[in-house]
Each structure stands twice: as structure tokens, then as C-alpha cells.
Amino acid sequence: METNKITSWMDKYITPFANKMANQRHLAAIRDTFMTLLPITLFGSIFVIIGAAPPVTSHSNGFLLAWAHFAQNNALILSWLSSVSMSAMSVFICVGITYFLCQHYNENPLSPIMFSLAGFFMLVFDPKKLGFTGNIADISYWDGRGIIIAILIAILTTESYHAMRKHNFGRIKMPKGVPSALSESFASFVPALVILAVDAIIFVICQANHTTAVKAIYNFLSPSFKVADSLPATIFLTILVQLFWFFGIHDAALAGILGPIRDGNLSINASAKLAGKALPRIFTTPFWVYFVIIGGCGSVLALAIIMSFSKSKQLKTVGRVGLIPALFGISEPMIFGTPLMLNPIFFIPFVFTSVINAILSYLSMSLGLVKKTFAILSWQMPAPIGAFLSTMDWRAPILVVALIIIDGLMYYPFMKVYEKSLLAEEES
């Protein structure tokens, strides 16, 4: 009865709120952008991993020696290929959000994308500093540190452009017979002048104060970024996602908030790795995928293993069917087949196995027992393999295996309680 009351309360208050979040145009555009960025993130991660050869010792074999030699000789190429893909995340985010917002408004996205990019380059790049070749502006803030301003520029540019076009602000009408591309260009002329003029004014003000807009925003918000990467924030976000899943709300409803945090931190760590600096962030996408939700939301890989040996035919079947998907980070067969969703018996382990994983992994990385993550090759990679490749630390898969054992110990007594009730039904 108590569970029914909670479920009714969730359906009445939380589910509508989650649906509004999932469908809110700006959050939806951010969510869809980060999903679309996955191929670029994976592409860039390959070169970061190749460049992160393990330290060579007197006991290193031929493969490790060849790897280290290749990484050293091709460091510039590997660094640049990652810098213009995963480490240029903010540029692609600016384009993606503009595009998806234009789709929402049924606007042609080409002009707004160009205006957003112009504003981004103007407010993020620093002309007083030199980059790779000595004749281009400093691009160091186009990684995860530029995500906030990329989001702001994309949203404000698209919203301003749409509002001006909707009200025909400064529209220059061309006579019939003029090519559509030329007519569209003149129709966007005044909105472009207004948007880019505002960007230019901001740029001039920042230069007068010996800074850039992205540096000013990043420095102002840096305390918030540190809080978002803290252990309490990690625990809170983990509980929130698991609670949503337990009550049948997909974590896509939170992707517009979690994406910038996790992927932004990953991009920052990748840039630091390429520069040979200490990795500053812990709460990244590979940290979440390989160390926190082992087997998918609910950390169900351990449960699938122990259910495969259950005395209950139902649990044994679900466990064996769900084991392979869980190994590759897909938890839906376990969540809906057991079922775990809205099952009061499994509430505690479903929510708190991932929380324990998050706490132990966070502490291990913050204390230096396991290296921090800087790359991701696939969401669906088995956690022990993904943990090693994302950190290049042999201790990472050991930690993951230990966490799977802990998850199994947490799930086991609750599984036995549920098994007992199912056995009674099966015998009858």
C-alpha cells in the first residue's frame, strides 16, 4: 500500500515534471546534441588512448616499447587529431544546439549556425595568444571549459534570430525571380547585423579588460564546476537517476543537465592528458558508464550473474537472458524482466548499489589509488575493459571487479527474498 502511495505521488507530480524537462526545447536541444556528438567523442578518444602509452620500464615487452615509440614520434599528429574532435567539443555543441532549436522552430538552420559560430569564435578565441602554428588565435577554451558559453551563444542567437524573423524585423524584400538563396540572405541581413554587433560589443569590452568572454564566465562559474564534480554532487545525481529509473522515468529526462557536466569534464580531462597535465575532473562520462552503473542503470550486471543460478525458473531465465546485455551496459532486460522497476523488494539495492559504486570509485580516484578517466571508446564496452582503456591503469579493472562483487553481495539477500515468493508461486 505504501508503495502504491509513492507511485501515485510520483505519477502526479514527478512524472509530469520529468516529461516537461524532457520536452523543454532548450534541454531537448542540449540532450540531442550530446547524443549526436558520440561519434566525434569516440573518434577523438582513440587518439588520446594511443598517445597515452604506459610508462616504459626495463621489464616492458616489445609491444609496449613499440607503442611508446610510436606515441612519442607521432605526438603532434595524435594531439591535433584529438584537439579538433573530442577536445573541440564546445564548437560542435554550439552548432548542434543551434540546429536542433531551428528544427523546433521550423527555421532554416544554415544562417543561425553561421551566426552562432561567428559569435563563438569572437567570444572564445583570444587573438592576443598564439596557437599551434603561430598565426592563429588561442583555441584552448574550445574544449569542455567552453561548453557553457557555447550553450548560451547557441540559444541566444537562435532565439533572437527566430524572434526577429517572426516579426519581420528589418526584413529586406527582394523582387520575384531573385534566387532563393540570395533572397534568404537579404532577409537575414538585419538580424545578422544585430546579433553579431552585440557579440562584437561584448568582445571589445572583454578585450579592454584583458580577458575574453569565455574566461570571464568560466572564472565566475568555476566554484559551481567544482561543486558539480564533488562527491556530494556525484552521490546526489546518482540517487536522482536511479530513483527516476525505479519509477519508470528514463534518464534521458536528465540528459540535458547531466550531458554538459559529464561530457564537459571528459573533454577537459582529455585536453589535460594531451598537454601532459594532471587530470582535474572525476565525474565524467566513462566514470559514470564503467564505474558507477556497471551493467546499466541499477548496476544490474552482478544481479544478472547471481540470478543465473537462482532456484526460481523465472529468475534463472531472466538472469541468463539479461546477462549478455548487462555485460554491455544494457539494463532494460533486467529492469523490465525481473522486474526491478516499481518492485519494493529491490528498491534499496537498485538505487544504492550505484551510489556505493560512485562513492568508492570517486574516493579511489581522488586519493590516487586509481587514475582518472580521459577517454571513452563505447558506451556499450564491458566495464572492466572500458575502465582500463579510459584510464590506462591496470588497477581500474580490479576496482570494477571488486565493485561487481560488492553489488552482488548487496543484491543477494533481496534476490533470495524475491526468489522465495516466486518459488511458492511456481510450486503452486
Protein backbone atom coordinates (compact mmCIF):
# COMPACT_ATOMS: atom_id res chain seq x y z
CA MET A 1 0.00 0.00 0.00
CA GLU A 2 2.84 2.37 0.88
CA THR A 3 4.49 1.70 -2.47
CA ASN A 4 1.23 2.45 -4.27
CA LYS A 5 1.03 5.81 -2.49
CA ILE A 6 4.57 6.69 -3.53
CA THR A 7 3.89 5.58 -7.10
CA SER A 8 0.72 7.66 -7.25
CA TRP A 9 2.59 10.67 -5.88
CA MET A 10 5.34 10.19 -8.48
CA ASP A 11 2.79 9.87 -11.28
CA LYS A 12 1.01 13.01 -10.13
CA TYR A 13 3.98 15.31 -9.50
CA ILE A 14 7.33 13.93 -10.67
CA THR A 15 6.41 12.26 -13.96
CA PRO A 16 4.75 15.37 -15.45
CA PHE A 17 7.73 17.45 -14.32
CA ALA A 18 10.18 14.95 -15.88
CA ASN A 19 8.20 14.95 -19.12
CA LYS A 20 8.28 18.75 -19.21
CA MET A 21 12.04 18.66 -18.70
CA ALA A 22 12.47 16.09 -21.46
CA ASN A 23 10.33 18.14 -23.87
CA GLN A 24 11.56 21.63 -22.92
CA ARG A 25 13.05 22.90 -26.17
CA HIS A 26 16.39 24.10 -24.81
CA LEU A 27 17.05 21.00 -22.66
CA ALA A 28 15.89 18.77 -25.52
CA ALA A 29 18.28 20.52 -27.91
CA ILE A 30 21.15 20.08 -25.44
CA ARG A 31 20.27 16.40 -24.92
CA ASP A 32 20.01 15.66 -28.66
CA THR A 33 23.28 17.49 -29.32
CA PHE A 34 25.25 15.43 -26.81
CA MET A 35 23.75 12.23 -28.21
CA THR A 36 24.75 13.30 -31.72
CA LEU A 37 28.29 14.09 -30.56
CA LEU A 38 29.03 10.49 -29.58
CA PRO A 39 30.87 9.52 -32.83
CA ILE A 40 33.16 12.57 -32.57
CA THR A 41 33.84 11.84 -28.89
CA LEU A 42 34.70 8.21 -29.66
CA PHE A 43 36.90 9.23 -32.62
CA GLY A 44 38.90 11.68 -30.51
CA SER A 45 39.23 9.19 -27.65
CA ILE A 46 41.05 6.74 -29.92
CA PHE A 47 43.96 9.16 -30.44
CA VAL A 48 44.10 10.16 -26.77
CA ILE A 49 44.41 6.48 -25.81
CA ILE A 50 47.05 5.81 -28.48
CA GLY A 51 49.03 8.80 -27.24
CA ALA A 52 48.73 7.64 -23.61
CA ALA A 53 51.19 4.74 -23.85
CA PRO A 54 52.03 3.12 -20.48
CA PRO A 55 55.40 4.14 -18.99
CA VAL A 56 58.24 2.04 -20.37
CA THR A 57 60.31 0.05 -17.86
CA SER A 58 63.15 -2.43 -18.13
CA HIS A 59 60.54 -5.21 -17.99
CA SER A 60 58.33 -3.80 -20.80
CA ASN A 61 57.66 -6.19 -23.67
CA GLY A 62 58.10 -5.46 -27.37
CA PHE A 63 54.50 -4.32 -27.84
CA LEU A 64 54.69 -1.70 -25.08
CA LEU A 65 58.05 -0.46 -26.35
CA ALA A 66 56.70 -0.13 -29.90
CA TRP A 67 53.57 1.61 -28.62
CA ALA A 68 55.57 4.12 -26.59
CA HIS A 69 57.94 4.74 -29.53
CA PHE A 70 55.01 5.33 -31.93
CA ALA A 71 53.23 7.68 -29.49
CA GLN A 72 56.40 9.72 -28.96
CA ASN A 73 57.20 10.04 -32.67
CA ASN A 74 53.63 10.98 -33.61
CA ALA A 75 52.69 13.08 -30.59
CA LEU A 76 51.85 16.20 -32.65
CA ILE A 77 49.59 14.29 -35.06
CA LEU A 78 47.78 12.40 -32.27
CA SER A 79 47.35 15.58 -30.24
CA TRP A 80 45.97 17.57 -33.18
CA LEU A 81 43.51 14.84 -34.28
CA SER A 82 42.05 14.72 -30.78
CA SER A 83 42.14 18.52 -30.39
CA VAL A 84 39.92 19.06 -33.45
CA SER A 85 37.46 16.31 -32.47
CA MET A 86 36.77 15.46 -28.81
CA SER A 87 38.72 18.43 -27.43
CA ALA A 88 36.81 20.81 -29.71
CA MET A 89 33.53 19.77 -28.13
CA SER A 90 32.25 23.29 -27.49
CA VAL A 91 32.33 24.16 -31.20
CA PHE A 92 30.16 21.16 -32.10
CA ILE A 93 27.82 21.83 -29.18
CA CYS A 94 27.27 25.38 -30.43
CA VAL A 95 26.40 24.04 -33.90
CA GLY A 96 24.21 21.20 -32.60
CA ILE A 97 22.08 23.24 -30.23
CA THR A 98 21.51 25.89 -32.88
CA TYR A 99 20.48 23.21 -35.36
CA PHE A 100 18.03 21.43 -33.05
CA LEU A 101 16.46 24.70 -31.87
CA CYS A 102 15.97 25.72 -35.50
CA GLN A 103 14.28 22.38 -36.11
CA HIS A 104 11.92 23.15 -33.23
CA TYR A 105 11.01 26.49 -34.84
CA ASN A 106 10.99 25.12 -38.41
CA GLU A 107 13.70 27.64 -39.31
CA ASN A 108 16.34 27.06 -41.95
CA PRO A 109 19.35 26.32 -39.69
CA LEU A 110 22.15 27.42 -42.04
CA SER A 111 22.21 31.16 -41.26
CA PRO A 112 21.73 30.80 -37.48
CA ILE A 113 24.53 28.21 -37.37
CA MET A 114 26.89 30.60 -39.16
CA PHE A 115 25.93 33.45 -36.81
CA SER A 116 26.39 31.21 -33.75
CA LEU A 117 29.81 30.09 -34.93
CA ALA A 118 30.87 33.66 -35.65
CA GLY A 119 29.81 34.69 -32.16
CA PHE A 120 31.53 31.66 -30.63
CA PHE A 121 34.84 32.35 -32.36
CA MET A 122 34.59 36.02 -31.44
CA LEU A 123 33.93 35.42 -27.74
CA VAL A 124 36.04 32.30 -27.11
CA PHE A 125 39.24 32.65 -29.13
CA ASP A 126 41.89 35.05 -27.84
CA PRO A 127 43.69 36.98 -30.62
CA LYS A 128 46.46 38.04 -28.25
CA LYS A 129 47.68 34.49 -27.79
CA LEU A 130 49.14 32.24 -30.45
CA GLY A 131 48.18 28.65 -31.13
CA PHE A 132 49.65 25.63 -32.87
CA THR A 133 51.19 27.29 -35.96
CA GLY A 134 52.00 30.73 -34.59
CA ASN A 135 49.43 32.58 -36.70
CA ILE A 136 46.04 31.55 -35.35
CA ALA A 137 44.23 32.68 -32.25
CA ASP A 138 44.45 30.73 -28.99
CA ILE A 139 41.88 27.89 -29.04
CA SER A 140 42.45 26.48 -25.58
CA TYR A 141 38.90 27.19 -24.41
CA TRP A 142 37.06 25.30 -27.13
CA ASP A 143 37.09 22.10 -25.03
CA GLY A 144 34.76 21.39 -22.10
CA ARG A 145 35.56 24.74 -20.49
CA GLY A 146 33.72 26.49 -23.31
CA ILE A 147 30.53 24.45 -23.07
CA ILE A 148 28.59 26.99 -21.01
CA ILE A 149 29.24 29.89 -23.36
CA ALA A 150 28.62 27.62 -26.38
CA ILE A 151 25.19 26.77 -24.98
CA LEU A 152 24.43 30.43 -24.22
CA ILE A 153 25.54 31.65 -27.65
CA ALA A 154 23.56 28.96 -29.49
CA ILE A 155 20.37 29.58 -27.51
CA LEU A 156 20.52 33.39 -27.54
CA THR A 157 21.48 33.55 -31.22
CA THR A 158 18.70 31.20 -32.32
CA GLU A 159 16.04 32.76 -30.11
CA SER A 160 16.99 36.28 -31.27
CA TYR A 161 17.10 35.26 -34.91
CA HIS A 162 13.73 33.49 -34.69
CA ALA A 163 12.09 36.44 -32.91
CA MET A 164 13.35 38.95 -35.48
CA ARG A 165 12.37 36.75 -38.43
CA LYS A 166 8.95 36.07 -36.92
CA HIS A 167 8.22 39.80 -36.64
CA ASN A 168 9.91 40.65 -39.98
CA PHE A 169 12.36 42.92 -38.15
CA GLY A 170 14.42 44.77 -40.78
CA ARG A 171 13.37 42.33 -43.48
CA ILE A 172 14.60 43.34 -46.95
CA LYS A 173 12.21 42.05 -49.59
CA MET A 174 13.67 41.13 -52.94
CA PRO A 175 11.73 41.15 -56.22
CA LYS A 176 10.37 37.94 -57.67
CA GLY A 177 12.80 35.95 -59.76
CA VAL A 178 15.72 36.51 -57.39
CA PRO A 179 17.36 33.18 -56.43
CA SER A 180 16.01 31.85 -53.11
CA ALA A 181 19.49 31.70 -51.54
CA LEU A 182 20.06 35.41 -52.29
CA SER A 183 16.57 36.35 -51.09
CA GLU A 184 17.13 34.42 -47.84
CA SER A 185 20.49 36.13 -47.36
CA PHE A 186 18.92 39.60 -47.59
CA ALA A 187 16.07 38.56 -45.29
CA SER A 188 18.65 37.58 -42.66
CA PHE A 189 20.85 40.64 -43.20
CA VAL A 190 19.50 42.88 -40.42
CA PRO A 191 19.12 40.07 -37.83
CA ALA A 192 22.73 39.08 -38.58
CA LEU A 193 23.93 42.68 -38.07
CA VAL A 194 22.11 42.94 -34.72
CA ILE A 195 23.32 39.57 -33.39
CA LEU A 196 26.93 39.97 -34.49
CA ALA A 197 27.05 43.61 -33.34
CA VAL A 198 26.09 42.51 -29.83
CA ASP A 199 28.79 39.81 -29.95
CA ALA A 200 31.31 42.39 -31.16
CA ILE A 201 30.45 44.80 -28.34
CA ILE A 202 30.93 42.04 -25.77
CA PHE A 203 34.26 41.13 -27.42
CA VAL A 204 35.52 44.75 -27.30
CA ILE A 205 34.52 45.14 -23.64
CA CYS A 206 36.30 41.90 -22.70
CA GLN A 207 39.45 42.84 -24.65
CA ALA A 208 39.50 46.21 -22.93
CA ASN A 209 39.58 44.31 -19.64
CA HIS A 210 42.33 41.97 -20.90
CA THR A 211 40.16 38.88 -20.97
CA THR A 212 37.68 37.00 -23.15
CA ALA A 213 34.00 36.28 -22.54
CA VAL A 214 34.64 32.57 -22.05
CA LYS A 215 37.40 33.19 -19.49
CA ALA A 216 35.21 35.63 -17.58
CA ILE A 217 32.27 33.20 -17.48
CA TYR A 218 34.48 30.21 -16.67
CA ASN A 219 36.23 32.02 -13.82
CA PHE A 220 32.91 33.26 -12.45
CA LEU A 221 31.34 29.79 -12.55
CA SER A 222 34.43 27.78 -11.57
CA PRO A 223 33.19 27.30 -7.97
CA SER A 224 30.00 25.77 -9.39
CA PHE A 225 32.03 23.44 -11.62
CA LYS A 226 34.00 22.26 -8.60
CA VAL A 227 30.77 21.61 -6.70
CA ALA A 228 29.35 19.64 -9.65
CA ASP A 229 32.49 17.48 -9.62
CA SER A 230 32.38 16.91 -5.86
CA LEU A 231 31.49 13.70 -4.04
CA PRO A 232 28.18 15.06 -2.62
CA ALA A 233 27.06 16.16 -6.12
CA THR A 234 28.07 12.78 -7.55
CA ILE A 235 26.03 10.99 -4.87
CA PHE A 236 23.01 13.25 -5.39
CA LEU A 237 22.99 12.86 -9.18
CA THR A 238 23.43 9.09 -8.91
CA ILE A 239 20.49 8.77 -6.50
CA LEU A 240 18.37 11.02 -8.71
CA VAL A 241 18.98 8.96 -11.86
CA GLN A 242 18.34 5.65 -10.07
CA LEU A 243 15.13 6.97 -8.50
CA PHE A 244 13.89 8.11 -11.89
CA TRP A 245 14.57 4.69 -13.37
CA PHE A 246 12.94 2.84 -10.45
CA PHE A 247 9.71 4.73 -11.06
CA GLY A 248 9.88 4.16 -14.80
CA ILE A 249 11.28 7.55 -15.86
CA HIS A 250 14.12 7.23 -18.37
CA ASP A 251 17.30 9.12 -17.51
CA ALA A 252 17.00 10.89 -20.87
CA ALA A 253 14.85 13.36 -18.93
CA LEU A 254 18.05 14.42 -17.14
CA ALA A 255 20.39 14.22 -20.12
CA GLY A 256 20.13 17.95 -20.84
CA ILE A 257 21.62 18.60 -17.39
CA LEU A 258 23.98 15.63 -16.98
CA GLY A 259 25.40 15.75 -20.50
CA PRO A 260 27.21 19.10 -20.18
CA ILE A 261 28.66 18.06 -16.81
CA ARG A 262 29.88 14.57 -17.70
CA ASP A 263 30.98 15.18 -21.29
CA GLY A 264 32.42 18.60 -20.46
CA ASN A 265 34.58 17.11 -17.71
CA LEU A 266 35.69 14.35 -20.10
CA SER A 267 36.76 16.92 -22.68
CA ILE A 268 38.70 18.88 -20.04
CA ASN A 269 40.48 15.72 -18.88
CA ALA A 270 41.32 14.74 -22.47
CA SER A 271 42.86 18.17 -23.10
CA ALA A 272 44.86 17.91 -19.87
CA LYS A 273 46.08 14.44 -20.85
CA LEU A 274 47.23 15.69 -24.25
CA ALA A 275 49.07 18.56 -22.56
CA GLY A 276 50.76 16.22 -20.07
CA LYS A 277 49.00 17.87 -17.13
CA ALA A 278 47.23 16.32 -14.13
CA LEU A 279 43.62 15.37 -14.84
CA PRO A 280 41.37 17.76 -12.88
CA ARG A 281 37.94 16.09 -13.05
CA ILE A 282 36.43 12.81 -11.78
CA PHE A 283 32.73 12.89 -12.70
CA THR A 284 32.98 12.13 -16.42
CA THR A 285 31.03 10.02 -18.89
CA PRO A 286 33.37 6.98 -18.67
CA PHE A 287 33.40 7.31 -14.86
CA TRP A 288 29.60 7.07 -14.96
CA VAL A 289 29.39 4.25 -17.52
CA TYR A 290 32.24 1.99 -16.39
CA PHE A 291 32.49 2.63 -12.64
CA VAL A 292 29.05 3.77 -11.40
CA ILE A 293 26.30 1.99 -13.39
CA ILE A 294 28.06 -1.32 -14.03
CA GLY A 295 25.70 -3.24 -16.28
CA GLY A 296 23.44 -0.26 -16.89
CA CYS A 297 21.23 1.73 -14.53
CA GLY A 298 20.76 -0.16 -11.29
CA SER A 299 24.20 -1.77 -11.68
CA VAL A 300 22.44 -4.98 -12.70
CA LEU A 301 25.41 -6.98 -14.04
CA ALA A 302 26.00 -8.51 -10.61
CA LEU A 303 22.29 -9.28 -10.24
CA ALA A 304 22.21 -10.98 -13.66
CA ILE A 305 25.11 -13.21 -12.59
CA ILE A 306 23.56 -14.35 -9.31
CA MET A 307 20.08 -14.73 -10.84
CA SER A 308 21.54 -17.09 -13.45
CA PHE A 309 21.95 -19.63 -10.62
CA SER A 310 18.58 -19.00 -8.97
CA LYS A 311 16.29 -21.86 -7.95
CA SER A 312 13.38 -19.94 -9.49
CA LYS A 313 12.87 -20.76 -13.16
CA GLN A 314 11.68 -17.21 -13.83
CA LEU A 315 14.68 -15.53 -12.23
CA LYS A 316 17.14 -18.00 -13.76
CA THR A 317 15.70 -17.37 -17.24
CA VAL A 318 15.70 -13.59 -16.86
CA GLY A 319 19.22 -13.63 -15.41
CA ARG A 320 20.65 -15.71 -18.27
CA VAL A 321 18.80 -13.71 -20.91
CA GLY A 322 19.83 -10.39 -19.35
CA LEU A 323 23.46 -11.32 -18.63
CA ILE A 324 24.92 -10.56 -22.06
CA PRO A 325 23.06 -7.23 -22.47
CA ALA A 326 24.12 -6.24 -18.93
CA LEU A 327 27.73 -7.09 -19.76
CA PHE A 328 27.49 -4.45 -22.49
CA GLY A 329 25.78 -1.87 -20.27
CA ILE A 330 22.16 -2.53 -21.31
CA SER A 331 19.94 -2.98 -18.26
CA GLU A 332 16.43 -2.89 -19.73
CA PRO A 333 16.00 -6.71 -19.98
CA MET A 334 16.77 -6.99 -16.27
CA ILE A 335 14.76 -3.93 -15.23
CA PHE A 336 11.60 -4.99 -17.05
CA GLY A 337 12.07 -8.77 -16.97
CA THR A 338 12.68 -9.33 -13.26
CA PRO A 339 11.00 -6.77 -12.79
CA LEU A 340 13.07 -4.27 -10.82
CA MET A 341 11.02 -1.19 -11.69
CA LEU A 342 8.40 -0.45 -9.01
CA ASN A 343 9.40 -3.64 -7.18
CA PRO A 344 9.64 -2.64 -3.48
CA ILE A 345 11.80 -5.67 -2.66
CA PHE A 346 14.59 -4.38 -4.90
CA PHE A 347 14.27 -0.66 -4.14
CA ILE A 348 17.28 -0.45 -1.80
CA PRO A 349 19.82 -2.37 -3.94
CA PHE A 350 18.55 -0.90 -7.22
CA VAL A 351 19.16 2.66 -6.00
CA PHE A 352 22.13 2.23 -3.70
CA THR A 353 24.43 -0.23 -5.48
CA SER A 354 25.26 2.52 -7.96
CA VAL A 355 25.66 5.00 -5.10
CA ILE A 356 28.19 2.72 -3.38
CA ASN A 357 29.99 2.28 -6.71
CA ALA A 358 30.12 6.06 -7.15
CA ILE A 359 31.46 6.68 -3.62
CA LEU A 360 34.17 4.01 -3.76
CA SER A 361 35.26 4.95 -7.29
CA TYR A 362 35.31 8.67 -6.51
CA LEU A 363 37.39 8.14 -3.37
CA SER A 364 39.75 5.78 -5.19
CA MET A 365 40.40 8.38 -7.89
CA SER A 366 40.60 11.39 -5.58
CA LEU A 367 43.14 9.54 -3.37
CA GLY A 368 45.19 8.48 -6.40
CA LEU A 369 44.57 4.76 -5.91
CA VAL A 370 43.13 4.61 -9.44
CA LYS A 371 43.83 7.08 -12.24
CA LYS A 372 41.07 9.37 -13.51
CA THR A 373 39.30 8.85 -16.83
CA PHE A 374 40.17 10.74 -20.00
CA ALA A 375 38.65 8.77 -22.91
CA ILE A 376 35.69 6.63 -23.93
CA LEU A 377 35.53 4.23 -26.87
CA SER A 378 31.97 2.98 -26.44
CA TRP A 379 29.09 3.22 -24.00
CA GLN A 380 28.48 -0.50 -24.53
CA MET A 381 32.02 -1.70 -23.82
CA PRO A 382 32.21 -4.19 -20.90
CA ALA A 383 33.04 -2.22 -17.77
CA PRO A 384 36.40 -3.84 -16.87
CA ILE A 385 37.76 -3.29 -20.40
CA GLY A 386 36.31 0.22 -20.63
CA ALA A 387 37.70 1.08 -17.19
CA PHE A 388 41.22 0.13 -18.28
CA LEU A 389 41.11 1.91 -21.66
CA SER A 390 39.58 5.07 -20.19
CA THR A 391 42.31 5.35 -17.54
CA MET A 392 45.20 3.24 -18.91
CA ASP A 393 45.55 1.98 -15.35
CA TRP A 394 45.62 -1.78 -14.62
CA ARG A 395 44.12 -1.09 -11.17
CA ALA A 396 40.89 0.24 -12.74
CA PRO A 397 39.52 -3.16 -13.89
CA ILE A 398 40.43 -4.63 -10.50
CA LEU A 399 38.31 -1.91 -8.86
CA VAL A 400 35.43 -2.66 -11.24
CA VAL A 401 35.54 -6.39 -10.48
CA ALA A 402 35.57 -5.59 -6.75
CA LEU A 403 32.54 -3.31 -7.23
CA ILE A 404 30.68 -6.07 -9.11
CA ILE A 405 31.28 -8.40 -6.15
CA ILE A 406 30.02 -5.73 -3.73
CA ASP A 407 26.95 -5.16 -5.92
CA GLY A 408 26.27 -8.92 -5.87
CA LEU A 409 26.52 -9.03 -2.08
CA MET A 410 24.07 -6.14 -1.84
CA TYR A 411 21.59 -7.69 -4.27
CA TYR A 412 21.83 -11.27 -2.96
CA PRO A 413 19.62 -11.10 0.19
CA PHE A 414 16.91 -9.17 -1.63
CA MET A 415 17.05 -11.58 -4.56
CA LYS A 416 16.62 -14.52 -2.14
CA VAL A 417 13.53 -12.89 -0.61
CA TYR A 418 12.01 -12.40 -4.06
CA GLU A 419 13.09 -15.88 -5.11
CA LYS A 420 11.25 -17.40 -2.14
CA SER A 421 7.97 -15.75 -3.14
CA LEU A 422 8.37 -16.84 -6.77
CA LEU A 423 9.17 -20.42 -5.76
CA ALA A 424 5.94 -20.56 -3.80
CA GLU A 425 4.03 -19.38 -6.88
CA GLU A 426 5.84 -21.78 -9.20
CA GLU A 427 5.19 -24.76 -6.89
CA SER A 428 1.51 -23.91 -6.65
